[in-house]
Structures are given as C-alpha cells and as structure tokens.
PDB file of N, CA and C in Angstrom:
ATOM      1  N   MET A   1     208.407  -9.546   2.575  1.00  0.00           N
ATOM      2  CA  MET A   1     208.802  -8.539   3.549  1.00  0.00           C
ATOM      3  C   MET A   1     207.748  -7.450   3.664  1.00  0.00           C
ATOM      4  N   GLY A   2     206.981  -7.231   2.621  1.00  0.00           N
ATOM      5  CA  GLY A   2     205.986  -6.183   2.633  1.00  0.00           C
ATOM      6  C   GLY A   2     204.902  -6.369   3.671  1.00  0.00           C
ATOM      7  N   ASP A   3     204.699  -7.600   4.144  1.00  0.00           N
ATOM      8  CA  ASP A   3     203.678  -7.865   5.163  1.00  0.00           C
ATOM      9  C   ASP A   3     204.223  -7.722   6.579  1.00  0.00           C
ATOM     10  N   GLU A   4     205.530  -7.618   6.705  1.00  0.00           N
ATOM     11  CA  GLU A   4     206.173  -7.525   8.019  1.00  0.00           C
ATOM     12  C   GLU A   4     205.955  -6.135   8.617  1.00  0.00           C
ATOM     13  N   GLY A   5     205.690  -6.087   9.909  1.00  0.00           N
ATOM     14  CA  GLY A   5     205.568  -4.806  10.595  1.00  0.00           C
ATOM     15  C   GLY A   5     206.936  -4.215  10.863  1.00  0.00           C
ATOM     16  N   PHE A   6     207.048  -2.899  10.735  1.00  0.00           N
ATOM     17  CA  PHE A   6     208.310  -2.209  10.977  1.00  0.00           C
ATOM     18  C   PHE A   6     208.225  -1.394  12.260  1.00  0.00           C
ATOM     19  N   ILE A   7     209.329  -1.374  12.989  1.00  0.00           N
ATOM     20  CA  ILE A   7     209.491  -0.555  14.181  1.00  0.00           C
ATOM     21  C   ILE A   7     210.539   0.490  13.811  1.00  0.00           C
ATOM     22  N   GLY A   8     210.247   1.741  14.050  1.00  0.00           N
ATOM     23  CA  GLY A   8     211.185   2.774  13.655  1.00  0.00           C
ATOM     24  C   GLY A   8     211.159   3.970  14.580  1.00  0.00           C
ATOM     25  N   TYR A   9     211.906   4.982  14.184  1.00  0.00           N
ATOM     26  CA  TYR A   9     211.931   6.233  14.923  1.00  0.00           C
ATOM     27  C   TYR A   9     210.714   7.068  14.556  1.00  0.00           C
ATOM     28  N   PRO A  10     210.226   7.899  15.476  1.00  0.00           N
ATOM     29  CA  PRO A  10     209.149   8.817  15.123  1.00  0.00           C
ATOM     30  C   PRO A  10     209.626   9.788  14.041  1.00  0.00           C
ATOM     31  N   GLU A  11     208.730  10.207  13.181  1.00  0.00           N
ATOM     32  CA  GLU A  11     209.082  11.143  12.102  1.00  0.00           C
ATOM     33  C   GLU A  11     209.811  12.367  12.640  1.00  0.00           C
ATOM     34  N   GLU A  12     209.333  12.892  13.768  1.00  0.00           N
ATOM     35  CA  GLU A  12     209.898  14.130  14.300  1.00  0.00           C
ATOM     36  C   GLU A  12     211.245  13.938  14.988  1.00  0.00           C
ATOM     37  N   ALA A  13     211.729  12.704  15.091  1.00  0.00           N
ATOM     38  CA  ALA A  13     213.014  12.461  15.738  1.00  0.00           C
ATOM     39  C   ALA A  13     214.171  13.044  14.935  1.00  0.00           C
ATOM     40  N   GLY A  14     213.975  13.189  13.637  1.00  0.00           N
ATOM     41  CA  GLY A  14     214.988  13.834  12.802  1.00  0.00           C
ATOM     42  C   GLY A  14     216.244  13.014  12.574  1.00  0.00           C
ATOM     43  N   THR A  15     216.160  11.689  12.675  1.00  0.00           N
ATOM     44  CA  THR A  15     217.350  10.860  12.497  1.00  0.00           C
ATOM     45  C   THR A  15     217.715  10.655  11.031  1.00  0.00           C
ATOM     46  N   GLY A  16     216.769  10.835  10.133  1.00  0.00           N
ATOM     47  CA  GLY A  16     216.999  10.542   8.722  1.00  0.00           C
ATOM     48  C   GLY A  16     216.775   9.076   8.401  1.00  0.00           C
ATOM     49  N   LEU A  17     216.747   8.241   9.425  1.00  0.00           N
ATOM     50  CA  LEU A  17     216.587   6.807   9.210  1.00  0.00           C
ATOM     51  C   LEU A  17     215.185   6.470   8.719  1.00  0.00           C
ATOM     52  N   THR A  18     214.188   7.199   9.166  1.00  0.00           N
ATOM     53  CA  THR A  18     212.809   6.950   8.730  1.00  0.00           C
ATOM     54  C   THR A  18     212.686   7.126   7.220  1.00  0.00           C
ATOM     55  N   THR A  19     213.259   8.197   6.707  1.00  0.00           N
ATOM     56  CA  THR A  19     213.224   8.462   5.261  1.00  0.00           C
ATOM     57  C   THR A  19     214.021   7.411   4.512  1.00  0.00           C
ATOM     58  N   LEU A  20     215.179   7.039   5.042  1.00  0.00           N
ATOM     59  CA  LEU A  20     216.016   6.034   4.389  1.00  0.00           C
ATOM     60  C   LEU A  20     215.296   4.690   4.301  1.00  0.00           C
ATOM     61  N   VAL A  21     214.676   4.254   5.387  1.00  0.00           N
ATOM     62  CA  VAL A  21     213.955   2.968   5.396  1.00  0.00           C
ATOM     63  C   VAL A  21     212.822   2.996   4.389  1.00  0.00           C
ATOM     64  N   ARG A  22     212.070   4.088   4.363  1.00  0.00           N
ATOM     65  CA  ARG A  22     210.972   4.198   3.404  1.00  0.00           C
ATOM     66  C   ARG A  22     211.502   4.106   1.970  1.00  0.00           C
ATOM     67  N   ARG A  23     212.585   4.807   1.693  1.00  0.00           N
ATOM     68  CA  ARG A  23     213.163   4.788   0.343  1.00  0.00           C
ATOM     69  C   ARG A  23     213.651   3.391  -0.038  1.00  0.00           C
ATOM     70  N   LEU A  24     214.305   2.691   0.875  1.00  0.00           N
ATOM     71  CA  LEU A  24     214.785   1.336   0.596  1.00  0.00           C
ATOM     72  C   LEU A  24     213.623   0.372   0.349  1.00  0.00           C
ATOM     73  N   CYS A  25     212.572   0.501   1.152  1.00  0.00           N
ATOM     74  CA  CYS A  25     211.401  -0.371   0.980  1.00  0.00           C
ATOM     75  C   CYS A  25     210.719  -0.107  -0.361  1.00  0.00           C
ATOM     76  N   LEU A  26     210.532   1.154  -0.697  1.00  0.00           N
ATOM     77  CA  LEU A  26     209.891   1.485  -1.976  1.00  0.00           C
ATOM     78  C   LEU A  26     210.726   0.967  -3.143  1.00  0.00           C
ATOM     79  N   ALA A  27     212.047   1.056  -3.044  1.00  0.00           N
ATOM     80  CA  ALA A  27     212.922   0.530  -4.094  1.00  0.00           C
ATOM     81  C   ALA A  27     212.800  -0.981  -4.208  1.00  0.00           C
ATOM     82  N   ALA A  28     212.462  -1.643  -3.090  1.00  0.00           N
ATOM     83  CA  ALA A  28     212.276  -3.091  -3.089  1.00  0.00           C
ATOM     84  C   ALA A  28     210.859  -3.483  -3.504  1.00  0.00           C
ATOM     85  N   GLY A  29     210.002  -2.485  -3.735  1.00  0.00           N
ATOM     86  CA  GLY A  29     208.678  -2.770  -4.254  1.00  0.00           C
ATOM     87  C   GLY A  29     207.548  -2.815  -3.251  1.00  0.00           C
ATOM     88  N   PHE A  30     207.749  -2.284  -2.062  1.00  0.00           N
ATOM     89  CA  PHE A  30     206.657  -2.263  -1.093  1.00  0.00           C
ATOM     90  C   PHE A  30     206.740  -1.029  -0.203  1.00  0.00           C
ATOM     91  N   GLN A  31     205.603  -0.693   0.383  1.00  0.00           N
ATOM     92  CA  GLN A  31     205.493   0.414   1.336  1.00  0.00           C
ATOM     93  C   GLN A  31     205.661  -0.177   2.734  1.00  0.00           C
ATOM     94  N   PRO A  32     206.597   0.330   3.546  1.00  0.00           N
ATOM     95  CA  PRO A  32     206.748  -0.243   4.891  1.00  0.00           C
ATOM     96  C   PRO A  32     205.513   0.016   5.752  1.00  0.00           C
ATOM     97  N   LYS A  33     205.121  -1.005   6.483  1.00  0.00           N
ATOM     98  CA  LYS A  33     203.980  -0.897   7.390  1.00  0.00           C
ATOM     99  C   LYS A  33     204.540  -0.652   8.798  1.00  0.00           C
ATOM    100  N   VAL A  34     204.616   0.624   9.189  1.00  0.00           N
ATOM    101  CA  VAL A  34     205.175   0.992  10.493  1.00  0.00           C
ATOM    102  C   VAL A  34     204.103   0.769  11.552  1.00  0.00           C
ATOM    103  N   ILE A  35     204.409  -0.118  12.484  1.00  0.00           N
ATOM    104  CA  ILE A  35     203.415  -0.460  13.505  1.00  0.00           C
ATOM    105  C   ILE A  35     203.752   0.125  14.865  1.00  0.00           C
ATOM    106  N   GLN A  36     205.013   0.535  15.048  1.00  0.00           N
ATOM    107  CA  GLN A  36     205.419   1.076  16.340  1.00  0.00           C
ATOM    108  C   GLN A  36     206.586   2.026  16.133  1.00  0.00           C
ATOM    109  N   ALA A  37     206.602   3.132  16.852  1.00  0.00           N
ATOM    110  CA  ALA A  37     207.712   4.078  16.823  1.00  0.00           C
ATOM    111  C   ALA A  37     208.298   4.177  18.217  1.00  0.00           C
ATOM    112  N   ALA A  38     209.619   4.252  18.275  1.00  0.00           N
ATOM    113  CA  ALA A  38     210.321   4.401  19.557  1.00  0.00           C
ATOM    114  C   ALA A  38     211.560   5.259  19.331  1.00  0.00           C
ATOM    115  N   ARG A  39     211.802   6.181  20.226  1.00  0.00           N
ATOM    116  CA  ARG A  39     212.932   7.107  20.090  1.00  0.00           C
ATOM    117  C   ARG A  39     214.288   6.449  20.362  1.00  0.00           C
ATOM    118  N   GLU A  40     214.316   5.409  21.144  1.00  0.00           N
ATOM    119  CA  GLU A  40     215.572   4.753  21.520  1.00  0.00           C
ATOM    120  C   GLU A  40     215.756   3.454  20.747  1.00  0.00           C
ATOM    121  N   ALA A  41     216.953   3.276  20.199  1.00  0.00           N
ATOM    122  CA  ALA A  41     217.255   2.067  19.434  1.00  0.00           C
ATOM    123  C   ALA A  41     217.137   0.818  20.304  1.00  0.00           C
ATOM    124  N   THR A  42     217.558   0.921  21.558  1.00  0.00           N
ATOM    125  CA  THR A  42     217.462  -0.257  22.430  1.00  0.00           C
ATOM    126  C   THR A  42     216.006  -0.640  22.682  1.00  0.00           C
ATOM    127  N   THR A  43     215.126   0.343  22.739  1.00  0.00           N
ATOM    128  CA  THR A  43     213.697   0.054  22.869  1.00  0.00           C
ATOM    129  C   THR A  43     213.202  -0.656  21.618  1.00  0.00           C
ATOM    130  N   GLN A  44     213.645  -0.200  20.459  1.00  0.00           N
ATOM    131  CA  GLN A  44     213.251  -0.849  19.211  1.00  0.00           C
ATOM    132  C   GLN A  44     213.709  -2.310  19.202  1.00  0.00           C
ATOM    133  N   ILE A  45     214.919  -2.552  19.669  1.00  0.00           N
ATOM    134  CA  ILE A  45     215.430  -3.931  19.710  1.00  0.00           C
ATOM    135  C   ILE A  45     214.584  -4.773  20.659  1.00  0.00           C
ATOM    136  N   GLY A  46     214.192  -4.211  21.785  1.00  0.00           N
ATOM    137  CA  GLY A  46     213.312  -4.919  22.713  1.00  0.00           C
ATOM    138  C   GLY A  46     211.967  -5.249  22.092  1.00  0.00           C
ATOM    139  N   LEU A  47     211.431  -4.331  21.299  1.00  0.00           N
ATOM    140  CA  LEU A  47     210.165  -4.580  20.606  1.00  0.00           C
ATOM    141  C   LEU A  47     210.319  -5.678  19.557  1.00  0.00           C
ATOM    142  N   VAL A  48     211.473  -5.725  18.907  1.00  0.00           N
ATOM    143  CA  VAL A  48     211.752  -6.824  17.972  1.00  0.00           C
ATOM    144  C   VAL A  48     211.783  -8.143  18.738  1.00  0.00           C
ATOM    145  N   ALA A  49     212.461  -8.158  19.885  1.00  0.00           N
ATOM    146  CA  ALA A  49     212.540  -9.377  20.703  1.00  0.00           C
ATOM    147  C   ALA A  49     211.160  -9.841  21.147  1.00  0.00           C
ATOM    148  N   ALA A  50     210.248  -8.889  21.357  1.00  0.00           N
ATOM    149  CA  ALA A  50     208.880  -9.223  21.778  1.00  0.00           C
ATOM    150  C   ALA A  50     208.026  -9.713  20.614  1.00  0.00           C
ATOM    151  N   GLY A  51     208.589  -9.684  19.397  1.00  0.00           N
ATOM    152  CA  GLY A  51     207.873 -10.205  18.240  1.00  0.00           C
ATOM    153  C   GLY A  51     206.975  -9.209  17.532  1.00  0.00           C
ATOM    154  N   LEU A  52     207.157  -7.910  17.801  1.00  0.00           N
ATOM    155  CA  LEU A  52     206.272  -6.915  17.186  1.00  0.00           C
ATOM    156  C   LEU A  52     206.622  -6.586  15.740  1.00  0.00           C
ATOM    157  N   GLY A  53     207.843  -6.847  15.322  1.00  0.00           N
ATOM    158  CA  GLY A  53     208.227  -6.531  13.946  1.00  0.00           C
ATOM    159  C   GLY A  53     209.727  -6.504  13.770  1.00  0.00           C
ATOM    160  N   VAL A  54     210.161  -5.846  12.711  1.00  0.00           N
ATOM    161  CA  VAL A  54     211.584  -5.709  12.413  1.00  0.00           C
ATOM    162  C   VAL A  54     211.966  -4.241  12.536  1.00  0.00           C
ATOM    163  N   ALA A  55     213.251  -3.975  12.764  1.00  0.00           N
ATOM    164  CA  ALA A  55     213.743  -2.606  12.869  1.00  0.00           C
ATOM    165  C   ALA A  55     215.021  -2.491  12.040  1.00  0.00           C
ATOM    166  N   VAL A  56     215.159  -1.393  11.327  1.00  0.00           N
ATOM    167  CA  VAL A  56     216.387  -1.090  10.597  1.00  0.00           C
ATOM    168  C   VAL A  56     217.146  -0.083  11.447  1.00  0.00           C
ATOM    169  N   LEU A  57     218.335  -0.493  11.901  1.00  0.00           N
ATOM    170  CA  LEU A  57     219.119   0.311  12.835  1.00  0.00           C
ATOM    171  C   LEU A  57     220.566   0.398  12.376  1.00  0.00           C
ATOM    172  N   PRO A  58     221.320   1.363  12.897  1.00  0.00           N
ATOM    173  CA  PRO A  58     222.743   1.432  12.575  1.00  0.00           C
ATOM    174  C   PRO A  58     223.453   0.140  12.987  1.00  0.00           C
ATOM    175  N   ALA A  59     224.431  -0.271  12.191  1.00  0.00           N
ATOM    176  CA  ALA A  59     225.137  -1.528  12.437  1.00  0.00           C
ATOM    177  C   ALA A  59     225.764  -1.591  13.825  1.00  0.00           C
ATOM    178  N   GLN A  60     226.129  -0.454  14.388  1.00  0.00           N
ATOM    179  CA  GLN A  60     226.759  -0.439  15.709  1.00  0.00           C
ATOM    180  C   GLN A  60     225.840  -0.972  16.802  1.00  0.00           C
ATOM    181  N   MET A  61     224.542  -0.994  16.553  1.00  0.00           N
ATOM    182  CA  MET A  61     223.601  -1.486  17.560  1.00  0.00           C
ATOM    183  C   MET A  61     223.680  -3.000  17.721  1.00  0.00           C
ATOM    184  N   GLU A  62     224.422  -3.654  16.867  1.00  0.00           N
ATOM    185  CA  GLU A  62     224.575  -5.106  16.971  1.00  0.00           C
ATOM    186  C   GLU A  62     225.229  -5.510  18.297  1.00  0.00           C
ATOM    187  N   CYS A  63     225.851  -4.548  18.974  1.00  0.00           N
ATOM    188  CA  CYS A  63     226.475  -4.854  20.268  1.00  0.00           C
ATOM    189  C   CYS A  63     225.437  -5.091  21.354  1.00  0.00           C
ATOM    190  N   VAL A  64     224.176  -4.741  21.100  1.00  0.00           N
ATOM    191  CA  VAL A  64     223.095  -4.965  22.069  1.00  0.00           C
ATOM    192  C   VAL A  64     222.607  -6.401  21.890  1.00  0.00           C
ATOM    193  N   HIS A  65     222.890  -7.225  22.864  1.00  0.00           N
ATOM    194  CA  HIS A  65     222.532  -8.639  22.779  1.00  0.00           C
ATOM    195  C   HIS A  65     221.263  -8.911  23.578  1.00  0.00           C
ATOM    196  N   ILE A  66     220.206  -9.231  22.861  1.00  0.00           N
ATOM    197  CA  ILE A  66     218.944  -9.627  23.492  1.00  0.00           C
ATOM    198  C   ILE A  66     218.538 -10.957  22.877  1.00  0.00           C
ATOM    199  N   GLU A  67     218.239 -11.918  23.735  1.00  0.00           N
ATOM    200  CA  GLU A  67     217.870 -13.248  23.254  1.00  0.00           C
ATOM    201  C   GLU A  67     216.710 -13.156  22.268  1.00  0.00           C
ATOM    202  N   GLY A  68     216.846 -13.880  21.165  1.00  0.00           N
ATOM    203  CA  GLY A  68     215.800 -13.929  20.162  1.00  0.00           C
ATOM    204  C   GLY A  68     215.916 -12.877  19.082  1.00  0.00           C
ATOM    205  N   VAL A  69     216.930 -12.015  19.170  1.00  0.00           N
ATOM    206  CA  VAL A  69     217.121 -10.974  18.158  1.00  0.00           C
ATOM    207  C   VAL A  69     218.329 -11.324  17.303  1.00  0.00           C
ATOM    208  N   LYS A  70     218.133 -11.293  16.006  1.00  0.00           N
ATOM    209  CA  LYS A  70     219.200 -11.580  15.050  1.00  0.00           C
ATOM    210  C   LYS A  70     219.435 -10.315  14.221  1.00  0.00           C
ATOM    211  N   PHE A  71     220.685  -9.919  14.078  1.00  0.00           N
ATOM    212  CA  PHE A  71     221.042  -8.766  13.260  1.00  0.00           C
ATOM    213  C   PHE A  71     221.482  -9.252  11.882  1.00  0.00           C
ATOM    214  N   VAL A  72     220.898  -8.697  10.851  1.00  0.00           N
ATOM    215  CA  VAL A  72     221.200  -9.079   9.475  1.00  0.00           C
ATOM    216  C   VAL A  72     221.711  -7.843   8.742  1.00  0.00           C
ATOM    217  N   PRO A  73     222.964  -7.855   8.278  1.00  0.00           N
ATOM    218  CA  PRO A  73     223.488  -6.678   7.566  1.00  0.00           C
ATOM    219  C   PRO A  73     222.719  -6.424   6.274  1.00  0.00           C
ATOM    220  N   LEU A  74     222.512  -5.162   5.954  1.00  0.00           N
ATOM    221  CA  LEU A  74     221.860  -4.792   4.704  1.00  0.00           C
ATOM    222  C   LEU A  74     222.938  -4.635   3.631  1.00  0.00           C
ATOM    223  N   SER A  75     222.716  -5.262   2.487  1.00  0.00           N
ATOM    224  CA  SER A  75     223.722  -5.222   1.426  1.00  0.00           C
ATOM    225  C   SER A  75     223.452  -4.136   0.395  1.00  0.00           C
ATOM    226  N   ASP A  76     222.309  -3.485   0.458  1.00  0.00           N
ATOM    227  CA  ASP A  76     221.973  -2.437  -0.503  1.00  0.00           C
ATOM    228  C   ASP A  76     222.956  -1.278  -0.359  1.00  0.00           C
ATOM    229  N   PRO A  77     223.592  -0.850  -1.452  1.00  0.00           N
ATOM    230  CA  PRO A  77     224.554   0.250  -1.347  1.00  0.00           C
ATOM    231  C   PRO A  77     223.909   1.559  -0.874  1.00  0.00           C
ATOM    232  N   GLY A  78     222.602   1.679  -0.967  1.00  0.00           N
ATOM    233  CA  GLY A  78     221.922   2.875  -0.499  1.00  0.00           C
ATOM    234  C   GLY A  78     221.595   2.844   0.979  1.00  0.00           C
ATOM    235  N   ALA A  79     221.951   1.757   1.661  1.00  0.00           N
ATOM    236  CA  ALA A  79     221.622   1.600   3.077  1.00  0.00           C
ATOM    237  C   ALA A  79     222.734   2.168   3.950  1.00  0.00           C
ATOM    238  N   TYR A  80     222.887   3.479   3.921  1.00  0.00           N
ATOM    239  CA  TYR A  80     223.880   4.137   4.777  1.00  0.00           C
ATOM    240  C   TYR A  80     223.394   5.536   5.131  1.00  0.00           C
ATOM    241  N   LEU A  81     223.925   6.054   6.208  1.00  0.00           N
ATOM    242  CA  LEU A  81     223.638   7.424   6.635  1.00  0.00           C
ATOM    243  C   LEU A  81     224.965   8.135   6.866  1.00  0.00           C
ATOM    244  N   SER A  82     225.033   9.359   6.453  1.00  0.00           N
ATOM    245  CA  SER A  82     226.207  10.179   6.747  1.00  0.00           C
ATOM    246  C   SER A  82     226.035  10.811   8.116  1.00  0.00           C
ATOM    247  N   LEU A  83     227.125  10.921   8.829  1.00  0.00           N
ATOM    248  CA  LEU A  83     227.100  11.546  10.141  1.00  0.00           C
ATOM    249  C   LEU A  83     227.953  12.804  10.119  1.00  0.00           C
ATOM    250  N   ALA A  84     227.645  13.717  10.996  1.00  0.00           N
ATOM    251  CA  ALA A  84     228.423  14.936  11.144  1.00  0.00           C
ATOM    252  C   ALA A  84     228.570  15.223  12.636  1.00  0.00           C
ATOM    253  N   LEU A  85     229.574  15.999  12.962  1.00  0.00           N
ATOM    254  CA  LEU A  85     229.814  16.376  14.351  1.00  0.00           C
ATOM    255  C   LEU A  85     229.528  17.860  14.501  1.00  0.00           C
ATOM    256  N   ALA A  86     228.712  18.197  15.452  1.00  0.00           N
ATOM    257  CA  ALA A  86     228.417  19.595  15.728  1.00  0.00           C
ATOM    258  C   ALA A  86     229.196  20.022  16.968  1.00  0.00           C
ATOM    259  N   THR A  87     229.898  21.133  16.864  1.00  0.00           N
ATOM    260  CA  THR A  87     230.623  21.691  18.006  1.00  0.00           C
ATOM    261  C   THR A  87     230.295  23.171  18.109  1.00  0.00           C
ATOM    262  N   ARG A  88     230.550  23.747  19.251  1.00  0.00           N
ATOM    263  CA  ARG A  88     230.339  25.180  19.371  1.00  0.00           C
ATOM    264  C   ARG A  88     231.512  25.895  18.726  1.00  0.00           C
ATOM    265  N   SER A  89     231.276  27.107  18.260  1.00  0.00           N
ATOM    266  CA  SER A  89     232.355  27.865  17.635  1.00  0.00           C
ATOM    267  C   SER A  89     233.337  28.319  18.712  1.00  0.00           C
ATOM    268  N   GLY A  90     234.511  28.667  18.288  1.00  0.00           N
ATOM    269  CA  GLY A  90     235.540  29.096  19.223  1.00  0.00           C
ATOM    270  C   GLY A  90     236.591  28.020  19.391  1.00  0.00           C
ATOM    271  N   GLU A  91     237.501  28.279  20.260  1.00  0.00           N
ATOM    272  CA  GLU A  91     238.617  27.357  20.508  1.00  0.00           C
ATOM    273  C   GLU A  91     238.126  26.125  21.255  1.00  0.00           C
ATOM    274  N   PRO A  92     238.365  24.917  20.701  1.00  0.00           N
ATOM    275  CA  PRO A  92     237.924  23.700  21.397  1.00  0.00           C
ATOM    276  C   PRO A  92     238.837  23.378  22.575  1.00  0.00           C
ATOM    277  N   SER A  93     238.310  22.610  23.507  1.00  0.00           N
ATOM    278  CA  SER A  93     239.129  22.123  24.613  1.00  0.00           C
ATOM    279  C   SER A  93     240.205  21.198  24.050  1.00  0.00           C
ATOM    280  N   ALA A  94     241.228  20.912  24.847  1.00  0.00           N
ATOM    281  CA  ALA A  94     242.312  20.027  24.400  1.00  0.00           C
ATOM    282  C   ALA A  94     241.771  18.643  24.052  1.00  0.00           C
ATOM    283  N   LEU A  95     240.842  18.160  24.847  1.00  0.00           N
ATOM    284  CA  LEU A  95     240.263  16.841  24.594  1.00  0.00           C
ATOM    285  C   LEU A  95     239.509  16.823  23.267  1.00  0.00           C
ATOM    286  N   LEU A  96     238.661  17.831  23.042  1.00  0.00           N
ATOM    287  CA  LEU A  96     237.916  17.906  21.791  1.00  0.00           C
ATOM    288  C   LEU A  96     238.851  18.112  20.609  1.00  0.00           C
ATOM    289  N   ALA A  97     239.874  18.935  20.771  1.00  0.00           N
ATOM    290  CA  ALA A  97     240.831  19.171  19.683  1.00  0.00           C
ATOM    291  C   ALA A  97     241.506  17.863  19.271  1.00  0.00           C
ATOM    292  N   GLY A  98     241.870  17.036  20.241  1.00  0.00           N
ATOM    293  CA  GLY A  98     242.477  15.743  19.931  1.00  0.00           C
ATOM    294  C   GLY A  98     241.513  14.822  19.209  1.00  0.00           C
ATOM    295  N   PHE A  99     240.261  14.838  19.644  1.00  0.00           N
ATOM    296  CA  PHE A  99     239.238  14.017  19.000  1.00  0.00           C
ATOM    297  C   PHE A  99     239.018  14.468  17.560  1.00  0.00           C
ATOM    298  N   LEU A 100     238.897  15.783  17.346  1.00  0.00           N
ATOM    299  CA  LEU A 100     238.707  16.316  15.986  1.00  0.00           C
ATOM    300  C   LEU A 100     239.884  15.962  15.078  1.00  0.00           C
ATOM    301  N   GLU A 101     241.081  16.028  15.630  1.00  0.00           N
ATOM    302  CA  GLU A 101     242.279  15.676  14.842  1.00  0.00           C
ATOM    303  C   GLU A 101     242.226  14.216  14.411  1.00  0.00           C
ATOM    304  N   ARG A 102     241.819  13.340  15.303  1.00  0.00           N
ATOM    305  CA  ARG A 102     241.694  11.923  14.949  1.00  0.00           C
ATOM    306  C   ARG A 102     240.628  11.703  13.889  1.00  0.00           C
ATOM    307  N   LEU A 103     239.508  12.394  14.003  1.00  0.00           N
ATOM    308  CA  LEU A 103     238.458  12.276  12.987  1.00  0.00           C
ATOM    309  C   LEU A 103     238.968  12.708  11.621  1.00  0.00           C
ATOM    310  N   GLU A 104     239.681  13.806  11.588  1.00  0.00           N
ATOM    311  CA  GLU A 104     240.189  14.327  10.321  1.00  0.00           C
ATOM    312  C   GLU A 104     241.205  13.394   9.688  1.00  0.00           C
ATOM    313  N   ARG A 105     241.961  12.664  10.525  1.00  0.00           N
ATOM    314  CA  ARG A 105     242.945  11.709   9.998  1.00  0.00           C
ATOM    315  C   ARG A 105     242.315  10.364   9.676  1.00  0.00           C
ATOM    316  N   GLY A 106     241.046  10.189  10.048  1.00  0.00           N
ATOM    317  CA  GLY A 106     240.349   8.936   9.755  1.00  0.00           C
ATOM    318  C   GLY A 106     240.701   7.815  10.702  1.00  0.00           C
ATOM    319  N   ILE A 107     241.087   8.150  11.892  1.00  0.00           N
ATOM    320  CA  ILE A 107     241.465   7.131  12.893  1.00  0.00           C
ATOM    321  C   ILE A 107     240.284   6.828  13.783  1.00  0.00           C
TER     322      ILE A 107
END
C-alpha cells in the first residue's frame, strides 16, 4: 500500500481527514504519497475512477456510484472522525429545534 498514490483533501480544508489518513498510514508502517488534492469528495471519487490513486473518505460517500470504483470499509478502530453541529446562538427555529432534539435522542 505504501507505493499507492493517495488522493485527499488539501491541508487547508480543515476536515481533519488529512491528519487521520497520515496517522493511519504511519501506524501501518508507511508514509502516504499524496499525489492529488481535491476539496470535494465526489471529485476525489472521480479521480479514483480515473486510476490516479486511492482516497480515504467518510463511509457515507459509498452512495456515490461510479463505474470502476470499489468502496472498502476500514476496520482500524482509529479510522473515525467525530462530528459536531455549529448553530448560531439564540432561539433556534422550530425546524432546527426539532432536528437538535432528534440528535440529542440519537435518532
């Protein structure tokens, strides 16, 4: 895997995924060779389809079906990212309040 080219987010994108991929690769014994950066996950998937390399993306991106692309789940327990929701302070709209309530209940 160490010889495979990686497609990822630009460092300045701030996704946290770049750091996570580097950490996972180093734990596996190699330095990732990043050959292309793209801000959009769908662009990264297209670059994978074109044969430029592999991309580590959130599992939800598996819904993007492009011929020639195979999604392989990562089994490493360290292969996860925490997410947070940012809202403006003050009273939320009824729609947002309902959404926040569902998040808090884990639905």
